Amino acid sequence: MAMSERTQTNSLISVPFDSFVSFIASLPLLCFVSCVTIATVWHFEETTWTHCQVPNYLPSISAAIGGHQPEKFIWHIGIALHCLPRILLFPVAVHKHYQSTLSGRKHNLTTWWFWLLNLLTNISQVVENGALLTLTYISSTDNFDVHEGSFIVFMVCSMIYMFFSCVLLKLTSSQPITTEEHGFLKRKVFIVFFNYCSFGLAVYFYFRHDGYCEPGVYTLFALCEYCTIVSNILFHWFSLTTHFKGAVLLLAYASSSHRVGVSNYLPSISAAIGGHMPEKYIWRVGIALHCLPRILVMPYSLHKYFKNTLAGRKYDSTTWWFWLLNLSAAVSNLVENGALITLTYVSSIEHFGVHEGSFIIFMVCSILFMLLWCILFRLTATQPMTMEEYRLFKRNLCTLSLNVCSFGFAVYFFFRHNWYCEQGIYTLFALCEYITVVSNIAFHWHCTWIFSGAKLTFGYFEGLLPKKN
């Protein structure tokens, strides 16, 4: 008899989806109204100025959101909060909604184009949000061409998404269509038609203003821009709240009912980087690109740097232990990187013993390198230390202390979790692991200060070329 594992879902946060959508949709609307109001009241002259200096009474959206503070700050924060769920959550939810309806399943089985239409709809939504982020963070004053191109991509993808959304709604509605669905479709089509017309008028007034510089025409352009943006926001809000009426956004964790488990809210680094795709792929590619220069260039460069300082040359010629200290630092840096590559490409799932051993070697060599670096830097610094050298030494000493403390706590919480299985202890272990890794990265990044102004040159020297006969 096969035994099935029953899982129990434990809810952490439960939010009505329509309330969540209303909040997300309200962010750009509130930010838009705030930016236009502030620009009109505080920066009227600057934001309504036109190149041909004709009367204008409303700022364009680009001038209102990208020209001055605090409008720029308000819009940047609002769009950042707004776009994250729209990129990560909404396209997948909308795609599954159309695919899971009764008519959607039928079209998916009997036609070749329905899945493609559904896919293109959601790709256009993702690209629309990417373009919105680009035109938000690169204003027309920063780079006009990029801003203008992003706005065009945003509008094209927005219009494609709205049109395809209406087509999919018609295809996946009940047969015959209910009164409620008919009213819903009618409202969506009206918003799309209004959006298209306002954008068309905005384009017309923009080129008319550029061509004839008539008074008030740029104001009409700005007004049509407002209508275009507001109708876009309303379409997304209306679509999502209607499609997912009664749905709940749930943050939860699942535990097996037949086994005793404790609560954990953070993955360990080994689980995060080695268990699933695309995490494993992202980490392995990143470490491969990271470790190559650290193995080929950094140990030798640091060894030469400490050896060639004024104090380093003195110690090298008068003591027997300085060169050994310098060599040990370079070797520990090299072994640390080798261990990092091993534990990256041999996960705990594939071979726990090798992964664990590589992690221990990595941490020992990492701490040893950081300690030796601090000693070598203190020995070879200017006497007395300059303010810049003192700050670097102090920062790296603090980073080393944080690294050692967080690693000590990680070891403590790991064994405490294994012995007592208390709630949340493994989460504390994972958090200490994160701090250990981040402090390690920060230490190595701080070390690059000693190469400030240096250049990595790839080429050949004329004197090293073979001589011609």
Protein backbone atom coordinates (compact mmCIF):
# COMPACT_ATOMS: atom_id res chain seq x y z
CA MET A 1 0.00 0.00 0.00
CA ALA A 2 1.37 3.37 -0.97
CA MET A 3 1.34 5.92 1.80
CA SER A 4 0.35 9.46 0.79
CA GLU A 5 1.66 12.46 2.66
CA ARG A 6 -1.04 14.85 3.82
CA THR A 7 0.04 18.47 4.14
CA GLN A 8 -1.45 21.12 6.37
CA THR A 9 -1.35 24.79 5.38
CA ASN A 10 -0.66 27.23 8.22
CA SER A 11 -1.69 30.76 7.33
CA LEU A 12 0.56 33.66 8.31
CA ILE A 13 -1.15 36.52 6.45
CA SER A 14 -4.50 36.47 4.67
CA VAL A 15 -5.58 39.50 2.61
CA PRO A 16 -8.67 39.80 0.35
CA PHE A 17 -7.28 39.95 -3.20
CA ASP A 18 -9.60 42.76 -4.32
CA SER A 19 -8.44 44.90 -1.37
CA PHE A 20 -4.80 44.17 -2.25
CA VAL A 21 -5.43 45.07 -5.92
CA SER A 22 -7.21 48.28 -4.90
CA PHE A 23 -4.22 49.27 -2.79
CA ILE A 24 -1.71 48.48 -5.56
CA ALA A 25 -3.81 50.33 -8.18
CA SER A 26 -4.30 53.34 -5.90
CA LEU A 27 -0.54 53.89 -5.50
CA PRO A 28 0.16 55.33 -8.98
CA LEU A 29 -3.16 57.21 -8.92
CA LEU A 30 -2.41 58.89 -5.58
CA CYS A 31 1.20 59.57 -6.58
CA PHE A 32 0.06 61.01 -9.93
CA VAL A 33 -2.47 63.35 -8.30
CA SER A 34 0.08 64.38 -5.64
CA CYS A 35 2.82 65.08 -8.19
CA VAL A 36 0.59 67.13 -10.50
CA THR A 37 -0.84 69.11 -7.56
CA ILE A 38 2.58 69.85 -6.04
CA ALA A 39 4.07 70.72 -9.45
CA THR A 40 1.17 73.10 -10.17
CA VAL A 41 1.32 74.80 -6.75
CA TRP A 42 5.09 74.89 -6.06
CA HIS A 43 6.79 74.63 -9.45
CA PHE A 44 4.22 76.06 -11.84
CA GLU A 45 6.57 78.22 -13.90
CA GLU A 46 9.23 75.51 -14.34
CA THR A 47 6.85 72.62 -15.13
CA THR A 48 4.58 74.52 -17.52
CA TRP A 49 7.40 76.12 -19.50
CA THR A 50 7.44 75.25 -23.22
CA HIS A 51 10.23 75.59 -25.75
CA CYS A 52 8.28 78.22 -27.73
CA GLN A 53 7.11 80.02 -24.56
CA VAL A 54 3.38 80.06 -25.34
CA PRO A 55 0.80 80.08 -22.50
CA ASN A 56 0.42 76.67 -20.84
CA TYR A 57 -1.64 75.92 -17.75
CA LEU A 58 -0.91 72.28 -16.93
CA PRO A 59 2.41 70.41 -16.52
CA SER A 60 2.96 67.35 -18.68
CA ILE A 61 3.34 64.07 -16.80
CA SER A 62 7.08 63.93 -17.55
CA ALA A 63 7.56 67.44 -16.13
CA ALA A 64 5.36 66.71 -13.10
CA ILE A 65 7.04 63.45 -12.06
CA GLY A 66 10.65 63.85 -13.17
CA GLY A 67 11.70 67.45 -12.84
CA HIS A 68 11.70 68.47 -9.18
CA GLN A 69 11.60 67.24 -5.60
CA PRO A 70 9.49 66.02 -3.81
CA GLU A 71 7.46 64.99 -6.90
CA LYS A 72 10.29 62.83 -8.25
CA PHE A 73 10.73 61.03 -4.91
CA ILE A 74 6.97 60.43 -4.48
CA TRP A 75 6.59 58.98 -7.98
CA HIS A 76 9.70 56.78 -7.72
CA ILE A 77 8.59 55.23 -4.41
CA GLY A 78 4.98 54.74 -5.56
CA ILE A 79 5.93 53.05 -8.84
CA ALA A 80 8.51 50.80 -7.15
CA LEU A 81 5.86 49.52 -4.72
CA HIS A 82 3.26 49.29 -7.49
CA CYS A 83 5.31 47.37 -10.09
CA LEU A 84 6.71 44.56 -7.93
CA PRO A 85 3.42 42.61 -7.50
CA ARG A 86 2.37 43.52 -11.05
CA ILE A 87 5.49 41.82 -12.42
CA LEU A 88 5.75 38.87 -10.00
CA LEU A 89 2.12 38.05 -9.20
CA PHE A 90 -0.52 39.47 -11.54
CA PRO A 91 0.63 38.08 -14.94
CA VAL A 92 0.73 34.52 -13.58
CA ALA A 93 -2.63 34.94 -11.83
CA VAL A 94 -4.31 36.38 -14.95
CA HIS A 95 -2.77 33.69 -17.20
CA LYS A 96 -4.05 30.91 -14.93
CA HIS A 97 -7.49 32.57 -14.65
CA TYR A 98 -8.12 32.55 -18.41
CA GLN A 99 -6.63 29.09 -18.79
CA SER A 100 -8.74 27.60 -15.96
CA THR A 101 -12.18 28.81 -17.05
CA LEU A 102 -14.51 26.26 -18.66
CA SER A 103 -14.29 27.90 -22.10
CA GLY A 104 -10.56 28.50 -21.61
CA ARG A 105 -9.92 24.77 -21.05
CA LYS A 106 -11.99 23.99 -24.14
CA HIS A 107 -10.11 26.50 -26.34
CA ASN A 108 -6.78 25.31 -24.92
CA LEU A 109 -7.54 21.73 -25.98
CA THR A 110 -9.14 22.42 -29.37
CA THR A 111 -7.13 25.35 -30.77
CA TRP A 112 -3.46 26.14 -31.34
CA TRP A 113 -3.77 29.91 -30.91
CA PHE A 114 -5.50 30.30 -27.52
CA TRP A 115 -2.40 29.54 -25.41
CA LEU A 116 -0.35 31.88 -27.62
CA LEU A 117 -2.92 34.69 -27.19
CA ASN A 118 -2.94 34.14 -23.43
CA LEU A 119 0.87 34.11 -23.32
CA LEU A 120 1.23 37.28 -25.43
CA THR A 121 -1.31 39.06 -23.20
CA ASN A 122 0.75 38.46 -20.10
CA ILE A 123 4.11 39.08 -21.76
CA SER A 124 2.80 42.47 -22.89
CA GLN A 125 1.80 43.19 -19.28
CA VAL A 126 5.30 42.33 -17.99
CA VAL A 127 7.00 44.44 -20.70
CA GLU A 128 4.58 47.30 -19.98
CA ASN A 129 5.68 47.30 -16.34
CA GLY A 130 9.36 47.10 -17.27
CA ALA A 131 8.94 50.11 -19.56
CA LEU A 132 7.07 51.95 -16.80
CA LEU A 133 9.99 51.38 -14.41
CA THR A 134 12.48 52.57 -17.04
CA LEU A 135 10.64 55.79 -17.89
CA THR A 136 10.14 56.41 -14.15
CA TYR A 137 13.79 56.12 -13.15
CA ILE A 138 15.22 57.70 -16.32
CA SER A 139 13.49 61.05 -16.70
CA SER A 140 13.30 63.11 -19.89
CA THR A 141 15.96 65.47 -18.48
CA ASP A 142 18.33 62.57 -17.69
CA ASN A 143 18.12 60.90 -21.11
CA PHE A 144 15.35 62.06 -23.44
CA ASP A 145 15.77 59.26 -26.02
CA VAL A 146 15.59 56.44 -23.46
CA HIS A 147 12.64 58.11 -21.69
CA GLU A 148 10.78 58.65 -24.97
CA GLY A 149 11.47 55.10 -26.17
CA SER A 150 10.30 53.64 -22.85
CA PHE A 151 7.10 55.69 -23.02
CA ILE A 152 6.38 54.40 -26.54
CA VAL A 153 7.00 50.78 -25.47
CA PHE A 154 4.83 51.34 -22.38
CA MET A 155 1.91 52.69 -24.43
CA VAL A 156 2.13 50.05 -27.19
CA CYS A 157 2.26 47.16 -24.69
CA SER A 158 -0.46 48.75 -22.57
CA MET A 159 -2.81 49.03 -25.55
CA ILE A 160 -1.99 45.48 -26.72
CA TYR A 161 -2.64 44.11 -23.23
CA MET A 162 -5.98 45.89 -22.88
CA PHE A 163 -7.16 44.77 -26.33
CA PHE A 164 -6.10 41.13 -25.82
CA SER A 165 -7.63 41.14 -22.36
CA CYS A 166 -11.01 42.06 -23.84
CA VAL A 167 -10.66 39.35 -26.50
CA LEU A 168 -9.80 36.72 -23.88
CA LEU A 169 -12.70 37.81 -21.70
CA LYS A 170 -15.10 37.37 -24.63
CA LEU A 171 -13.65 33.94 -25.47
CA THR A 172 -13.72 32.62 -21.88
CA SER A 173 -17.17 33.98 -20.90
CA SER A 174 -20.12 31.69 -20.35
CA GLN A 175 -22.09 30.55 -23.40
CA PRO A 176 -24.51 32.28 -23.66
CA ILE A 177 -22.88 35.23 -21.92
CA THR A 178 -24.49 36.26 -18.60
CA THR A 179 -25.77 39.78 -17.91
CA GLU A 180 -23.02 40.35 -15.36
CA GLU A 181 -20.28 39.26 -17.77
CA HIS A 182 -21.81 41.34 -20.56
CA GLY A 183 -21.79 44.44 -18.33
CA PHE A 184 -18.22 43.72 -17.31
CA LEU A 185 -17.08 43.32 -20.94
CA LYS A 186 -18.95 46.48 -21.95
CA ARG A 187 -17.21 48.55 -19.26
CA LYS A 188 -13.77 47.17 -20.21
CA VAL A 189 -14.33 47.93 -23.89
CA PHE A 190 -15.47 51.48 -23.01
CA ILE A 191 -12.30 52.11 -20.92
CA VAL A 192 -10.12 50.75 -23.75
CA PHE A 193 -11.89 52.96 -26.30
CA PHE A 194 -11.51 56.00 -24.01
CA ASN A 195 -7.80 55.19 -23.49
CA TYR A 196 -7.16 54.87 -27.23
CA CYS A 197 -9.00 58.13 -28.04
CA SER A 198 -7.28 60.15 -25.30
CA PHE A 199 -3.86 58.85 -26.38
CA GLY A 200 -4.62 59.62 -30.04
CA LEU A 201 -5.64 63.18 -29.11
CA ALA A 202 -2.51 63.53 -26.94
CA VAL A 203 -0.34 62.59 -29.94
CA TYR A 204 -2.26 65.03 -32.16
CA PHE A 205 -1.94 67.95 -29.71
CA TYR A 206 1.76 67.18 -29.11
CA PHE A 207 2.66 67.42 -32.80
CA ARG A 208 0.34 70.38 -33.31
CA HIS A 209 2.10 72.21 -30.48
CA ASP A 210 5.51 71.34 -31.97
CA GLY A 211 4.42 72.43 -35.43
CA TYR A 212 2.42 75.63 -34.72
CA CYS A 213 3.15 76.66 -31.07
CA GLU A 214 -0.45 77.76 -30.47
CA PRO A 215 -1.44 78.99 -27.00
CA GLY A 216 -3.14 76.35 -24.82
CA VAL A 217 -2.48 73.41 -27.13
CA TYR A 218 0.17 71.96 -24.82
CA THR A 219 -2.38 72.21 -21.99
CA LEU A 220 -4.78 70.05 -24.02
CA PHE A 221 -1.92 67.61 -24.64
CA ALA A 222 -1.25 67.37 -20.88
CA LEU A 223 -4.97 66.91 -20.16
CA CYS A 224 -5.18 64.05 -22.68
CA GLU A 225 -2.09 62.50 -21.07
CA TYR A 226 -3.86 62.58 -17.70
CA CYS A 227 -6.93 60.85 -19.19
CA THR A 228 -4.71 58.18 -20.78
CA ILE A 229 -2.90 57.36 -17.54
CA VAL A 230 -6.02 57.40 -15.35
CA SER A 231 -7.93 55.15 -17.79
CA ASN A 232 -4.96 52.73 -17.82
CA ILE A 233 -5.00 52.55 -14.01
CA LEU A 234 -8.79 52.08 -13.95
CA PHE A 235 -8.63 49.27 -16.53
CA HIS A 236 -6.12 47.24 -14.49
CA TRP A 237 -7.97 47.87 -11.24
CA PHE A 238 -11.35 47.00 -12.75
CA SER A 239 -10.06 43.85 -14.49
CA LEU A 240 -8.31 42.34 -11.48
CA THR A 241 -10.95 43.14 -8.86
CA THR A 242 -13.67 41.63 -11.07
CA HIS A 243 -11.73 38.54 -12.18
CA PHE A 244 -10.63 37.64 -8.66
CA LYS A 245 -13.66 38.76 -6.66
CA GLY A 246 -13.74 36.76 -3.44
CA ALA A 247 -10.16 35.49 -3.88
CA VAL A 248 -7.69 35.66 -1.01
CA LEU A 249 -3.95 36.42 -1.12
CA LEU A 250 -2.43 33.97 1.33
CA LEU A 251 1.06 33.89 2.81
CA ALA A 252 1.46 30.48 4.42
CA TYR A 253 3.76 27.56 4.97
CA ALA A 254 2.90 23.89 4.52
CA SER A 255 3.88 21.14 6.91
CA SER A 256 3.37 17.39 6.64
CA SER A 257 0.68 16.09 8.96
CA HIS A 258 2.38 12.75 9.69
CA ARG A 259 5.65 14.21 10.95
CA VAL A 260 6.51 16.50 13.83
CA GLY A 261 8.00 19.77 12.58
CA VAL A 262 8.92 23.20 13.89
CA SER A 263 8.23 26.56 12.31
CA ASN A 264 10.91 28.03 10.04
CA TYR A 265 10.53 31.21 7.97
CA LEU A 266 13.88 31.53 6.17
CA PRO A 267 15.76 29.07 3.94
CA SER A 268 19.33 28.25 4.83
CA ILE A 269 21.89 29.32 2.24
CA SER A 270 22.50 25.70 1.19
CA ALA A 271 18.76 25.18 0.58
CA ALA A 272 18.42 28.52 -1.23
CA ILE A 273 21.31 28.05 -3.64
CA GLY A 274 21.43 24.29 -4.22
CA GLY A 275 17.94 22.87 -4.09
CA HIS A 276 15.91 24.19 -7.00
CA MET A 277 16.04 25.95 -10.33
CA PRO A 278 16.56 28.80 -11.22
CA GLU A 279 18.26 29.53 -7.85
CA LYS A 280 20.95 26.90 -8.45
CA TYR A 281 21.65 28.22 -11.97
CA ILE A 282 21.80 31.89 -10.85
CA TRP A 283 24.18 31.13 -7.97
CA ARG A 284 26.50 28.90 -10.01
CA VAL A 285 26.82 31.36 -12.88
CA GLY A 286 27.41 34.26 -10.45
CA ILE A 287 30.09 32.38 -8.48
CA ALA A 288 31.82 31.20 -11.67
CA LEU A 289 32.13 34.81 -12.86
CA HIS A 290 33.12 36.00 -9.38
CA CYS A 291 35.80 33.44 -8.54
CA LEU A 292 37.82 33.53 -11.76
CA PRO A 293 39.47 36.96 -11.15
CA ARG A 294 39.69 36.27 -7.40
CA ILE A 295 41.77 33.15 -8.09
CA LEU A 296 43.87 34.45 -10.98
CA VAL A 297 44.48 38.08 -9.96
CA MET A 298 43.58 39.01 -6.37
CA PRO A 299 45.89 36.76 -4.21
CA TYR A 300 48.99 37.67 -6.25
CA SER A 301 48.02 41.38 -6.34
CA LEU A 302 47.50 41.58 -2.57
CA HIS A 303 50.75 39.70 -1.93
CA LYS A 304 52.67 42.14 -4.16
CA TYR A 305 50.92 45.18 -2.63
CA PHE A 306 51.87 44.38 0.98
CA LYS A 307 55.39 43.38 -0.10
CA ASN A 308 56.03 46.60 -2.06
CA THR A 309 54.88 49.16 0.52
CA LEU A 310 57.63 51.11 2.28
CA ALA A 311 57.06 49.32 5.60
CA GLY A 312 56.58 45.99 3.75
CA ARG A 313 60.02 46.21 2.12
CA LYS A 314 61.53 47.01 5.51
CA TYR A 315 59.86 44.03 7.21
CA ASP A 316 60.67 41.74 4.27
CA SER A 317 64.37 42.52 4.53
CA THR A 318 64.69 42.55 8.35
CA THR A 319 62.33 39.77 9.56
CA TRP A 320 61.74 36.10 8.70
CA TRP A 321 58.05 36.00 9.58
CA PHE A 322 56.67 38.83 7.36
CA TRP A 323 56.97 36.92 4.07
CA LEU A 324 55.39 33.86 5.77
CA LEU A 325 52.51 36.00 7.03
CA ASN A 326 52.02 37.52 3.56
CA LEU A 327 52.22 34.12 1.87
CA SER A 328 49.71 32.61 4.34
CA ALA A 329 47.22 35.40 3.58
CA ALA A 330 47.49 34.80 -0.18
CA VAL A 331 47.21 31.00 0.20
CA SER A 332 44.19 31.25 2.54
CA ASN A 333 42.51 33.57 0.01
CA LEU A 334 43.18 31.05 -2.75
CA VAL A 335 41.92 28.05 -0.73
CA GLU A 336 38.85 30.03 0.37
CA ASN A 337 37.88 30.52 -3.28
CA GLY A 338 38.53 26.87 -4.13
CA ALA A 339 36.28 25.79 -1.25
CA LEU A 340 33.60 28.27 -2.36
CA ILE A 341 33.60 26.77 -5.87
CA THR A 342 33.38 23.22 -4.44
CA LEU A 343 30.46 23.92 -2.10
CA THR A 344 28.72 25.79 -4.94
CA TYR A 345 28.95 23.00 -7.50
CA VAL A 346 28.50 20.11 -5.01
CA SER A 347 25.28 20.85 -3.15
CA SER A 348 24.28 19.34 0.21
CA ILE A 349 21.66 17.25 -1.60
CA GLU A 350 24.23 15.78 -4.02
CA HIS A 351 26.95 14.98 -1.44
CA PHE A 352 26.44 16.27 2.09
CA GLY A 353 29.92 15.26 3.37
CA VAL A 354 31.81 17.09 0.61
CA HIS A 355 29.53 20.14 0.85
CA GLU A 356 29.89 20.32 4.64
CA GLY A 357 33.67 19.87 4.50
CA SER A 358 34.01 22.55 1.82
CA PHE A 359 31.91 24.94 3.91
CA ILE A 360 34.12 24.39 6.99
CA ILE A 361 37.30 24.98 4.92
CA PHE A 362 35.72 28.07 3.35
CA MET A 363 34.83 29.60 6.73
CA VAL A 364 38.21 28.77 8.37
CA CYS A 365 40.21 30.18 5.43
CA SER A 366 37.88 33.18 5.14
CA ILE A 367 38.30 34.17 8.80
CA LEU A 368 42.05 33.46 8.63
CA PHE A 369 42.44 35.64 5.51
CA MET A 370 40.47 38.54 7.04
CA LEU A 371 42.53 38.38 10.24
CA LEU A 372 45.85 38.22 8.36
CA TRP A 373 44.76 41.06 6.05
CA CYS A 374 44.05 43.32 9.05
CA ILE A 375 47.45 42.47 10.57
CA LEU A 376 49.30 43.05 7.29
CA PHE A 377 47.47 46.30 6.62
CA ARG A 378 48.30 47.55 10.14
CA LEU A 379 51.98 46.63 9.68
CA THR A 380 52.34 48.21 6.22
CA ALA A 381 50.25 51.36 6.75
CA THR A 382 51.84 54.80 6.93
CA GLN A 383 53.32 55.70 10.33
CA PRO A 384 51.33 57.41 11.72
CA MET A 385 48.22 56.21 9.86
CA THR A 386 46.45 58.65 7.57
CA MET A 387 42.78 59.33 8.27
CA GLU A 388 41.76 57.36 5.18
CA GLU A 389 43.87 54.33 6.16
CA TYR A 390 42.53 54.48 9.72
CA ARG A 391 38.92 54.49 8.51
CA LEU A 392 39.52 51.53 6.19
CA PHE A 393 41.28 49.58 8.96
CA LYS A 394 38.49 50.36 11.42
CA ARG A 395 35.75 49.37 8.92
CA ASN A 396 37.40 46.06 8.08
CA LEU A 397 38.08 45.30 11.76
CA CYS A 398 34.37 45.90 12.53
CA THR A 399 33.36 43.75 9.54
CA LEU A 400 35.68 40.96 10.72
CA SER A 401 34.18 41.13 14.24
CA LEU A 402 30.64 40.99 12.83
CA ASN A 403 31.59 38.04 10.62
CA VAL A 404 33.12 36.04 13.48
CA CYS A 405 30.23 36.82 15.86
CA SER A 406 27.52 35.99 13.33
CA PHE A 407 29.29 32.73 12.41
CA GLY A 408 29.57 31.82 16.09
CA PHE A 409 25.86 32.45 16.58
CA ALA A 410 25.07 30.44 13.43
CA VAL A 411 26.98 27.43 14.82
CA TYR A 412 25.21 27.81 18.18
CA PHE A 413 21.73 28.01 16.65
CA PHE A 414 22.48 25.11 14.27
CA PHE A 415 23.36 22.72 17.11
CA ARG A 416 20.56 24.05 19.32
CA HIS A 417 18.08 23.35 16.52
CA ASN A 418 19.45 19.81 16.08
CA TRP A 419 19.32 19.07 19.81
CA TYR A 420 16.06 20.70 20.91
CA CYS A 421 14.02 21.41 17.72
CA GLU A 422 12.63 24.68 19.13
CA GLN A 423 10.34 26.96 17.14
CA GLY A 424 12.10 29.60 15.02
CA ILE A 425 15.67 28.58 15.97
CA TYR A 426 16.49 27.43 12.45
CA THR A 427 15.29 30.82 11.20
CA LEU A 428 17.81 32.51 13.50
CA PHE A 429 20.50 30.16 12.16
CA ALA A 430 19.63 31.13 8.58
CA LEU A 431 19.64 34.84 9.49
CA CYS A 432 23.11 34.54 11.05
CA GLU A 433 24.28 32.70 7.93
CA TYR A 434 23.07 35.62 5.79
CA ILE A 435 24.95 38.12 7.97
CA THR A 436 28.10 35.98 7.80
CA VAL A 437 28.04 35.83 4.00
CA VAL A 438 27.17 39.52 3.53
CA SER A 439 29.92 40.63 5.95
CA ASN A 440 32.40 38.42 4.06
CA ILE A 441 31.43 40.10 0.78
CA ALA A 442 31.61 43.56 2.40
CA PHE A 443 35.13 42.82 3.75
CA HIS A 444 36.49 41.82 0.34
CA TRP A 445 34.80 44.81 -1.26
CA HIS A 446 36.44 47.16 1.29
CA CYS A 447 39.82 45.57 0.49
CA THR A 448 39.63 46.89 -3.06
CA TRP A 449 40.34 50.39 -1.65
CA ILE A 450 44.06 49.63 -1.67
CA PHE A 451 43.86 49.37 -5.49
CA SER A 452 42.08 52.70 -5.86
CA GLY A 453 43.28 54.32 -9.09
CA ALA A 454 44.91 51.10 -10.36
CA LYS A 455 44.02 49.65 -13.77
CA LEU A 456 43.82 46.06 -14.99
CA THR A 457 45.50 46.12 -18.41
CA PHE A 458 45.21 43.37 -20.99
CA GLY A 459 47.78 43.68 -23.76
CA TYR A 460 51.41 43.10 -24.65
CA PHE A 461 54.61 45.01 -24.12
CA GLU A 462 56.69 45.79 -27.16
CA GLY A 463 59.85 44.60 -25.51
CA LEU A 464 58.37 41.13 -24.93
CA LEU A 465 57.53 40.51 -28.61
CA PRO A 466 59.80 38.13 -30.53
CA LYS A 467 62.38 39.97 -32.59
CA LYS A 468 62.10 39.90 -36.36
CA ASN A 469 65.03 38.52 -38.34
